[in-house]
Amino acid sequence: MKRISFFLLYLMMLSGNLFAQTSDPNYVPMADKMREDGKIWVVVLVVAIVFAGIAINMLRIDFKLKKIEKELNIK
């Protein structure tokens, strides 16, 4: 276990150097191009729909679980 921990720690330290960085941290060419084309809003909409779907699914599961608990009188 100790060997695996050291290996994972080594990989985490090594991975920090692998990211390509520009001199301006706010410069993201793909995001700039998507903003210019107006497609960034499509991405935002898709992400919002996914999160809304996850939230709705969690609420449905919660309501079903409460119903089952009430039927079985589990507190």
PDB file of N, CA and C in Angstrom:
ATOM      1  N   MET A   1       0.826  -1.189   0.000  1.00  0.00           N
ATOM      2  CA  MET A   1       0.000   0.000   0.000  1.00  0.00           C
ATOM      3  C   MET A   1       0.871   1.253   0.000  1.00  0.00           C
ATOM      4  N   LYS A   2       1.963   1.195   0.750  1.00  0.00           N
ATOM      5  CA  LYS A   2       2.855   2.336   0.829  1.00  0.00           C
ATOM      6  C   LYS A   2       3.518   2.597  -0.522  1.00  0.00           C
ATOM      7  N   ARG A   3       3.819   1.525  -1.238  1.00  0.00           N
ATOM      8  CA  ARG A   3       4.446   1.645  -2.548  1.00  0.00           C
ATOM      9  C   ARG A   3       3.486   2.317  -3.540  1.00  0.00           C
ATOM     10  N   ILE A   4       2.207   1.947  -3.481  1.00  0.00           N
ATOM     11  CA  ILE A   4       1.204   2.528  -4.372  1.00  0.00           C
ATOM     12  C   ILE A   4       1.014   4.006  -4.048  1.00  0.00           C
ATOM     13  N   SER A   5       1.032   4.348  -2.759  1.00  0.00           N
ATOM     14  CA  SER A   5       0.870   5.740  -2.359  1.00  0.00           C
ATOM     15  C   SER A   5       2.009   6.603  -2.895  1.00  0.00           C
ATOM     16  N   PHE A   6       3.228   6.107  -2.783  1.00  0.00           N
ATOM     17  CA  PHE A   6       4.366   6.853  -3.308  1.00  0.00           C
ATOM     18  C   PHE A   6       4.300   6.979  -4.824  1.00  0.00           C
ATOM     19  N   PHE A   7       3.859   5.928  -5.490  1.00  0.00           N
ATOM     20  CA  PHE A   7       3.729   5.959  -6.942  1.00  0.00           C
ATOM     21  C   PHE A   7       2.684   6.988  -7.370  1.00  0.00           C
ATOM     22  N   LEU A   8       1.538   7.028  -6.694  1.00  0.00           N
ATOM     23  CA  LEU A   8       0.499   7.992  -7.030  1.00  0.00           C
ATOM     24  C   LEU A   8       0.956   9.422  -6.726  1.00  0.00           C
ATOM     25  N   LEU A   9       1.664   9.607  -5.636  1.00  0.00           N
ATOM     26  CA  LEU A   9       2.202  10.918  -5.304  1.00  0.00           C
ATOM     27  C   LEU A   9       3.189  11.372  -6.371  1.00  0.00           C
ATOM     28  N   TYR A  10       4.035  10.480  -6.832  1.00  0.00           N
ATOM     29  CA  TYR A  10       4.993  10.790  -7.886  1.00  0.00           C
ATOM     30  C   TYR A  10       4.266  11.176  -9.170  1.00  0.00           C
ATOM     31  N   LEU A  11       3.221  10.441  -9.539  1.00  0.00           N
ATOM     32  CA  LEU A  11       2.466  10.759 -10.747  1.00  0.00           C
ATOM     33  C   LEU A  11       1.782  12.114 -10.640  1.00  0.00           C
ATOM     34  N   MET A  12       1.267  12.444  -9.460  1.00  0.00           N
ATOM     35  CA  MET A  12       0.618  13.740  -9.277  1.00  0.00           C
ATOM     36  C   MET A  12       1.625  14.882  -9.422  1.00  0.00           C
ATOM     37  N   MET A  13       2.823  14.707  -8.885  1.00  0.00           N
ATOM     38  CA  MET A  13       3.839  15.748  -8.991  1.00  0.00           C
ATOM     39  C   MET A  13       4.333  15.869 -10.428  1.00  0.00           C
ATOM     40  N   LEU A  14       4.429  14.766 -11.119  1.00  0.00           N
ATOM     41  CA  LEU A  14       4.898  14.755 -12.500  1.00  0.00           C
ATOM     42  C   LEU A  14       3.874  15.388 -13.426  1.00  0.00           C
ATOM     43  N   SER A  15       2.598  15.160 -13.190  1.00  0.00           N
ATOM     44  CA  SER A  15       1.561  15.637 -14.099  1.00  0.00           C
ATOM     45  C   SER A  15       1.446  17.158 -14.110  1.00  0.00           C
ATOM     46  N   GLY A  16       1.865  17.835 -13.069  1.00  0.00           N
ATOM     47  CA  GLY A  16       1.803  19.292 -13.040  1.00  0.00           C
ATOM     48  C   GLY A  16       2.667  19.932 -14.098  1.00  0.00           C
ATOM     49  N   ASN A  17       3.730  19.276 -14.500  1.00  0.00           N
ATOM     50  CA  ASN A  17       4.645  19.820 -15.495  1.00  0.00           C
ATOM     51  C   ASN A  17       4.220  19.505 -16.921  1.00  0.00           C
ATOM     52  N   LEU A  18       3.208  18.715 -17.109  1.00  0.00           N
ATOM     53  CA  LEU A  18       2.831  18.273 -18.441  1.00  0.00           C
ATOM     54  C   LEU A  18       1.854  19.204 -19.148  1.00  0.00           C
ATOM     55  N   PHE A  19       1.278  20.148 -18.438  1.00  0.00           N
ATOM     56  CA  PHE A  19       0.301  21.044 -19.045  1.00  0.00           C
ATOM     57  C   PHE A  19       1.002  22.146 -19.836  1.00  0.00           C
ATOM     58  N   ALA A  20       0.561  22.336 -21.076  1.00  0.00           N
ATOM     59  CA  ALA A  20       1.110  23.408 -21.899  1.00  0.00           C
ATOM     60  C   ALA A  20       0.427  24.710 -21.496  1.00  0.00           C
ATOM     61  N   GLN A  21       1.224  25.717 -21.190  1.00  0.00           N
ATOM     62  CA  GLN A  21       0.672  26.974 -20.729  1.00  0.00           C
ATOM     63  C   GLN A  21       1.198  28.115 -21.585  1.00  0.00           C
ATOM     64  N   THR A  22       0.344  29.093 -21.814  1.00  0.00           N
ATOM     65  CA  THR A  22       0.764  30.278 -22.545  1.00  0.00           C
ATOM     66  C   THR A  22       1.158  31.355 -21.543  1.00  0.00           C
ATOM     67  N   SER A  23       1.671  32.459 -22.066  1.00  0.00           N
ATOM     68  CA  SER A  23       2.064  33.542 -21.172  1.00  0.00           C
ATOM     69  C   SER A  23       0.845  34.244 -20.575  1.00  0.00           C
ATOM     70  N   ASP A  24      -0.304  34.234 -21.302  1.00  0.00           N
ATOM     71  CA  ASP A  24      -1.531  34.839 -20.803  1.00  0.00           C
ATOM     72  C   ASP A  24      -2.478  33.737 -20.353  1.00  0.00           C
ATOM     73  N   PRO A  25      -2.741  33.621 -19.052  1.00  0.00           N
ATOM     74  CA  PRO A  25      -3.591  32.519 -18.581  1.00  0.00           C
ATOM     75  C   PRO A  25      -5.045  32.646 -19.018  1.00  0.00           C
ATOM     76  N   ASN A  26      -5.486  33.832 -19.446  1.00  0.00           N
ATOM     77  CA  ASN A  26      -6.872  34.027 -19.864  1.00  0.00           C
ATOM     78  C   ASN A  26      -7.083  33.753 -21.354  1.00  0.00           C
ATOM     79  N   TYR A  27      -6.016  33.440 -22.082  1.00  0.00           N
ATOM     80  CA  TYR A  27      -6.120  33.200 -23.516  1.00  0.00           C
ATOM     81  C   TYR A  27      -6.438  31.737 -23.778  1.00  0.00           C
ATOM     82  N   VAL A  28      -7.637  31.494 -24.293  1.00  0.00           N
ATOM     83  CA  VAL A  28      -8.054  30.144 -24.667  1.00  0.00           C
ATOM     84  C   VAL A  28      -8.597  30.245 -26.091  1.00  0.00           C
ATOM     85  N   PRO A  29      -7.818  29.830 -27.097  1.00  0.00           N
ATOM     86  CA  PRO A  29      -8.237  30.043 -28.483  1.00  0.00           C
ATOM     87  C   PRO A  29      -9.556  29.371 -28.838  1.00  0.00           C
ATOM     88  N   MET A  30      -9.796  28.164 -28.346  1.00  0.00           N
ATOM     89  CA  MET A  30     -11.031  27.472 -28.677  1.00  0.00           C
ATOM     90  C   MET A  30     -12.234  28.229 -28.110  1.00  0.00           C
ATOM     91  N   ALA A  31     -12.136  28.678 -26.862  1.00  0.00           N
ATOM     92  CA  ALA A  31     -13.239  29.403 -26.242  1.00  0.00           C
ATOM     93  C   ALA A  31     -13.465  30.743 -26.931  1.00  0.00           C
ATOM     94  N   ASP A  32     -12.388  31.419 -27.328  1.00  0.00           N
ATOM     95  CA  ASP A  32     -12.537  32.692 -28.035  1.00  0.00           C
ATOM     96  C   ASP A  32     -13.242  32.499 -29.365  1.00  0.00           C
ATOM     97  N   LYS A  33     -12.876  31.459 -30.086  1.00  0.00           N
ATOM     98  CA  LYS A  33     -13.518  31.175 -31.374  1.00  0.00           C
ATOM     99  C   LYS A  33     -14.993  30.845 -31.173  1.00  0.00           C
ATOM    100  N   MET A  34     -15.315  30.074 -30.136  1.00  0.00           N
ATOM    101  CA  MET A  34     -16.709  29.717 -29.883  1.00  0.00           C
ATOM    102  C   MET A  34     -17.516  30.943 -29.468  1.00  0.00           C
ATOM    103  N   ARG A  35     -16.890  31.865 -28.734  1.00  0.00           N
ATOM    104  CA  ARG A  35     -17.587  33.097 -28.356  1.00  0.00           C
ATOM    105  C   ARG A  35     -17.876  33.946 -29.582  1.00  0.00           C
ATOM    106  N   GLU A  36     -16.896  34.021 -30.489  1.00  0.00           N
ATOM    107  CA  GLU A  36     -17.083  34.806 -31.706  1.00  0.00           C
ATOM    108  C   GLU A  36     -18.225  34.255 -32.552  1.00  0.00           C
ATOM    109  N   ASP A  37     -18.308  32.930 -32.653  1.00  0.00           N
ATOM    110  CA  ASP A  37     -19.340  32.298 -33.476  1.00  0.00           C
ATOM    111  C   ASP A  37     -20.686  32.208 -32.764  1.00  0.00           C
ATOM    112  N   GLY A  38     -20.717  32.476 -31.465  1.00  0.00           N
ATOM    113  CA  GLY A  38     -21.953  32.378 -30.708  1.00  0.00           C
ATOM    114  C   GLY A  38     -22.280  30.954 -30.300  1.00  0.00           C
ATOM    115  N   LYS A  39     -21.360  30.033 -30.496  1.00  0.00           N
ATOM    116  CA  LYS A  39     -21.603  28.625 -30.163  1.00  0.00           C
ATOM    117  C   LYS A  39     -21.380  28.322 -28.692  1.00  0.00           C
ATOM    118  N   ILE A  40     -20.782  29.255 -27.972  1.00  0.00           N
ATOM    119  CA  ILE A  40     -20.530  29.015 -26.556  1.00  0.00           C
ATOM    120  C   ILE A  40     -21.842  28.843 -25.808  1.00  0.00           C
ATOM    121  N   TRP A  41     -22.901  29.502 -26.294  1.00  0.00           N
ATOM    122  CA  TRP A  41     -24.194  29.395 -25.632  1.00  0.00           C
ATOM    123  C   TRP A  41     -24.797  28.014 -25.815  1.00  0.00           C
ATOM    124  N   VAL A  42     -24.459  27.348 -26.921  1.00  0.00           N
ATOM    125  CA  VAL A  42     -24.911  25.970 -27.119  1.00  0.00           C
ATOM    126  C   VAL A  42     -24.259  25.070 -26.075  1.00  0.00           C
ATOM    127  N   VAL A  43     -22.979  25.279 -25.834  1.00  0.00           N
ATOM    128  CA  VAL A  43     -22.257  24.495 -24.833  1.00  0.00           C
ATOM    129  C   VAL A  43     -22.846  24.750 -23.446  1.00  0.00           C
ATOM    130  N   VAL A  44     -23.100  26.022 -23.123  1.00  0.00           N
ATOM    131  CA  VAL A  44     -23.675  26.367 -21.827  1.00  0.00           C
ATOM    132  C   VAL A  44     -25.049  25.725 -21.680  1.00  0.00           C
ATOM    133  N   LEU A  45     -25.857  25.748 -22.736  1.00  0.00           N
ATOM    134  CA  LEU A  45     -27.193  25.150 -22.698  1.00  0.00           C
ATOM    135  C   LEU A  45     -27.119  23.639 -22.482  1.00  0.00           C
ATOM    136  N   VAL A  46     -26.208  22.972 -23.170  1.00  0.00           N
ATOM    137  CA  VAL A  46     -26.073  21.519 -23.008  1.00  0.00           C
ATOM    138  C   VAL A  46     -25.639  21.173 -21.593  1.00  0.00           C
ATOM    139  N   VAL A  47     -24.691  21.908 -21.042  1.00  0.00           N
ATOM    140  CA  VAL A  47     -24.234  21.661 -19.669  1.00  0.00           C
ATOM    141  C   VAL A  47     -25.376  21.900 -18.685  1.00  0.00           C
ATOM    142  N   ALA A  48     -26.155  22.965 -18.914  1.00  0.00           N
ATOM    143  CA  ALA A  48     -27.284  23.259 -18.029  1.00  0.00           C
ATOM    144  C   ALA A  48     -28.339  22.156 -18.101  1.00  0.00           C
ATOM    145  N   ILE A  49     -28.597  21.641 -19.294  1.00  0.00           N
ATOM    146  CA  ILE A  49     -29.571  20.555 -19.452  1.00  0.00           C
ATOM    147  C   ILE A  49     -29.097  19.291 -18.740  1.00  0.00           C
ATOM    148  N   VAL A  50     -27.817  18.994 -18.858  1.00  0.00           N
ATOM    149  CA  VAL A  50     -27.277  17.803 -18.189  1.00  0.00           C
ATOM    150  C   VAL A  50     -27.411  17.942 -16.676  1.00  0.00           C
ATOM    151  N   PHE A  51     -27.023  19.095 -16.128  1.00  0.00           N
ATOM    152  CA  PHE A  51     -27.143  19.295 -14.683  1.00  0.00           C
ATOM    153  C   PHE A  51     -28.599  19.269 -14.227  1.00  0.00           C
ATOM    154  N   ALA A  52     -29.491  19.858 -15.027  1.00  0.00           N
ATOM    155  CA  ALA A  52     -30.911  19.824 -14.676  1.00  0.00           C
ATOM    156  C   ALA A  52     -31.426  18.388 -14.684  1.00  0.00           C
ATOM    157  N   GLY A  53     -31.002  17.593 -15.655  1.00  0.00           N
ATOM    158  CA  GLY A  53     -31.410  16.192 -15.705  1.00  0.00           C
ATOM    159  C   GLY A  53     -30.927  15.412 -14.497  1.00  0.00           C
ATOM    160  N   ILE A  54     -29.700  15.669 -14.091  1.00  0.00           N
ATOM    161  CA  ILE A  54     -29.164  14.994 -12.905  1.00  0.00           C
ATOM    162  C   ILE A  54     -29.956  15.401 -11.665  1.00  0.00           C
ATOM    163  N   ALA A  55     -30.261  16.695 -11.535  1.00  0.00           N
ATOM    164  CA  ALA A  55     -31.010  17.174 -10.373  1.00  0.00           C
ATOM    165  C   ALA A  55     -32.417  16.587 -10.348  1.00  0.00           C
ATOM    166  N   ILE A  56     -33.079  16.556 -11.484  1.00  0.00           N
ATOM    167  CA  ILE A  56     -34.433  15.991 -11.551  1.00  0.00           C
ATOM    168  C   ILE A  56     -34.406  14.512 -11.195  1.00  0.00           C
ATOM    169  N   ASN A  57     -33.417  13.798 -11.713  1.00  0.00           N
ATOM    170  CA  ASN A  57     -33.302  12.370 -11.409  1.00  0.00           C
ATOM    171  C   ASN A  57     -33.074  12.144  -9.916  1.00  0.00           C
ATOM    172  N   MET A  58     -32.247  12.961  -9.302  1.00  0.00           N
ATOM    173  CA  MET A  58     -32.005  12.824  -7.860  1.00  0.00           C
ATOM    174  C   MET A  58     -33.272  13.107  -7.062  1.00  0.00           C
ATOM    175  N   LEU A  59     -34.045  14.100  -7.470  1.00  0.00           N
ATOM    176  CA  LEU A  59     -35.293  14.403  -6.778  1.00  0.00           C
ATOM    177  C   LEU A  59     -36.295  13.264  -6.920  1.00  0.00           C
ATOM    178  N   ARG A  60     -36.392  12.680  -8.115  1.00  0.00           N
ATOM    179  CA  ARG A  60     -37.307  11.552  -8.324  1.00  0.00           C
ATOM    180  C   ARG A  60     -36.925  10.372  -7.437  1.00  0.00           C
ATOM    181  N   ILE A  61     -35.633  10.091  -7.367  1.00  0.00           N
ATOM    182  CA  ILE A  61     -35.171   8.991  -6.521  1.00  0.00           C
ATOM    183  C   ILE A  61     -35.486   9.285  -5.060  1.00  0.00           C
ATOM    184  N   ASP A  62     -35.297  10.545  -4.632  1.00  0.00           N
ATOM    185  CA  ASP A  62     -35.586  10.923  -3.252  1.00  0.00           C
ATOM    186  C   ASP A  62     -37.062  10.736  -2.936  1.00  0.00           C
ATOM    187  N   PHE A  63     -37.952  11.161  -3.821  1.00  0.00           N
ATOM    188  CA  PHE A  63     -39.385  11.009  -3.583  1.00  0.00           C
ATOM    189  C   PHE A  63     -39.788   9.530  -3.534  1.00  0.00           C
ATOM    190  N   LYS A  64     -39.222   8.735  -4.432  1.00  0.00           N
ATOM    191  CA  LYS A  64     -39.528   7.301  -4.426  1.00  0.00           C
ATOM    192  C   LYS A  64     -39.038   6.650  -3.138  1.00  0.00           C
ATOM    193  N   LEU A  65     -37.858   7.043  -2.694  1.00  0.00           N
ATOM    194  CA  LEU A  65     -37.304   6.490  -1.462  1.00  0.00           C
ATOM    195  C   LEU A  65     -38.141   6.875  -0.252  1.00  0.00           C
ATOM    196  N   LYS A  66     -38.601   8.126  -0.204  1.00  0.00           N
ATOM    197  CA  LYS A  66     -39.471   8.548   0.897  1.00  0.00           C
ATOM    198  C   LYS A  66     -40.779   7.758   0.890  1.00  0.00           C
ATOM    199  N   LYS A  67     -41.308   7.497  -0.291  1.00  0.00           N
ATOM    200  CA  LYS A  67     -42.548   6.722  -0.398  1.00  0.00           C
ATOM    201  C   LYS A  67     -42.339   5.303   0.122  1.00  0.00           C
ATOM    202  N   ILE A  68     -41.230   4.686  -0.250  1.00  0.00           N
ATOM    203  CA  ILE A  68     -40.932   3.327   0.211  1.00  0.00           C
ATOM    204  C   ILE A  68     -40.724   3.311   1.723  1.00  0.00           C
ATOM    205  N   GLU A  69     -39.999   4.305   2.249  1.00  0.00           N
ATOM    206  CA  GLU A  69     -39.782   4.389   3.692  1.00  0.00           C
ATOM    207  C   GLU A  69     -41.110   4.554   4.429  1.00  0.00           C
ATOM    208  N   LYS A  70     -42.008   5.359   3.864  1.00  0.00           N
ATOM    209  CA  LYS A  70     -43.295   5.568   4.513  1.00  0.00           C
ATOM    210  C   LYS A  70     -44.124   4.278   4.513  1.00  0.00           C
ATOM    211  N   GLU A  71     -44.067   3.527   3.419  1.00  0.00           N
ATOM    212  CA  GLU A  71     -44.799   2.257   3.340  1.00  0.00           C
ATOM    213  C   GLU A  71     -44.266   1.232   4.331  1.00  0.00           C
ATOM    214  N   LEU A  72     -42.962   1.233   4.537  1.00  0.00           N
ATOM    215  CA  LEU A  72     -42.339   0.260   5.425  1.00  0.00           C
ATOM    216  C   LEU A  72     -42.177   0.776   6.853  1.00  0.00           C
ATOM    217  N   ASN A  73     -42.597   2.010   7.096  1.00  0.00           N
ATOM    218  CA  ASN A  73     -42.477   2.660   8.393  1.00  0.00           C
ATOM    219  C   ASN A  73     -41.042   2.682   8.906  1.00  0.00           C
ATOM    220  N   ILE A  74     -40.131   3.007   8.010  1.00  0.00           N
ATOM    221  CA  ILE A  74     -38.703   3.127   8.390  1.00  0.00           C
ATOM    222  C   ILE A  74     -38.443   4.582   8.754  1.00  0.00           C
ATOM    223  N   LYS A  75     -37.810   4.763   9.896  1.00  0.00           N
ATOM    224  CA  LYS A  75     -37.487   6.134  10.321  1.00  0.00           C
ATOM    225  C   LYS A  75     -35.998   6.332  10.398  1.00  0.00           C
TER     226      LYS A  75
END
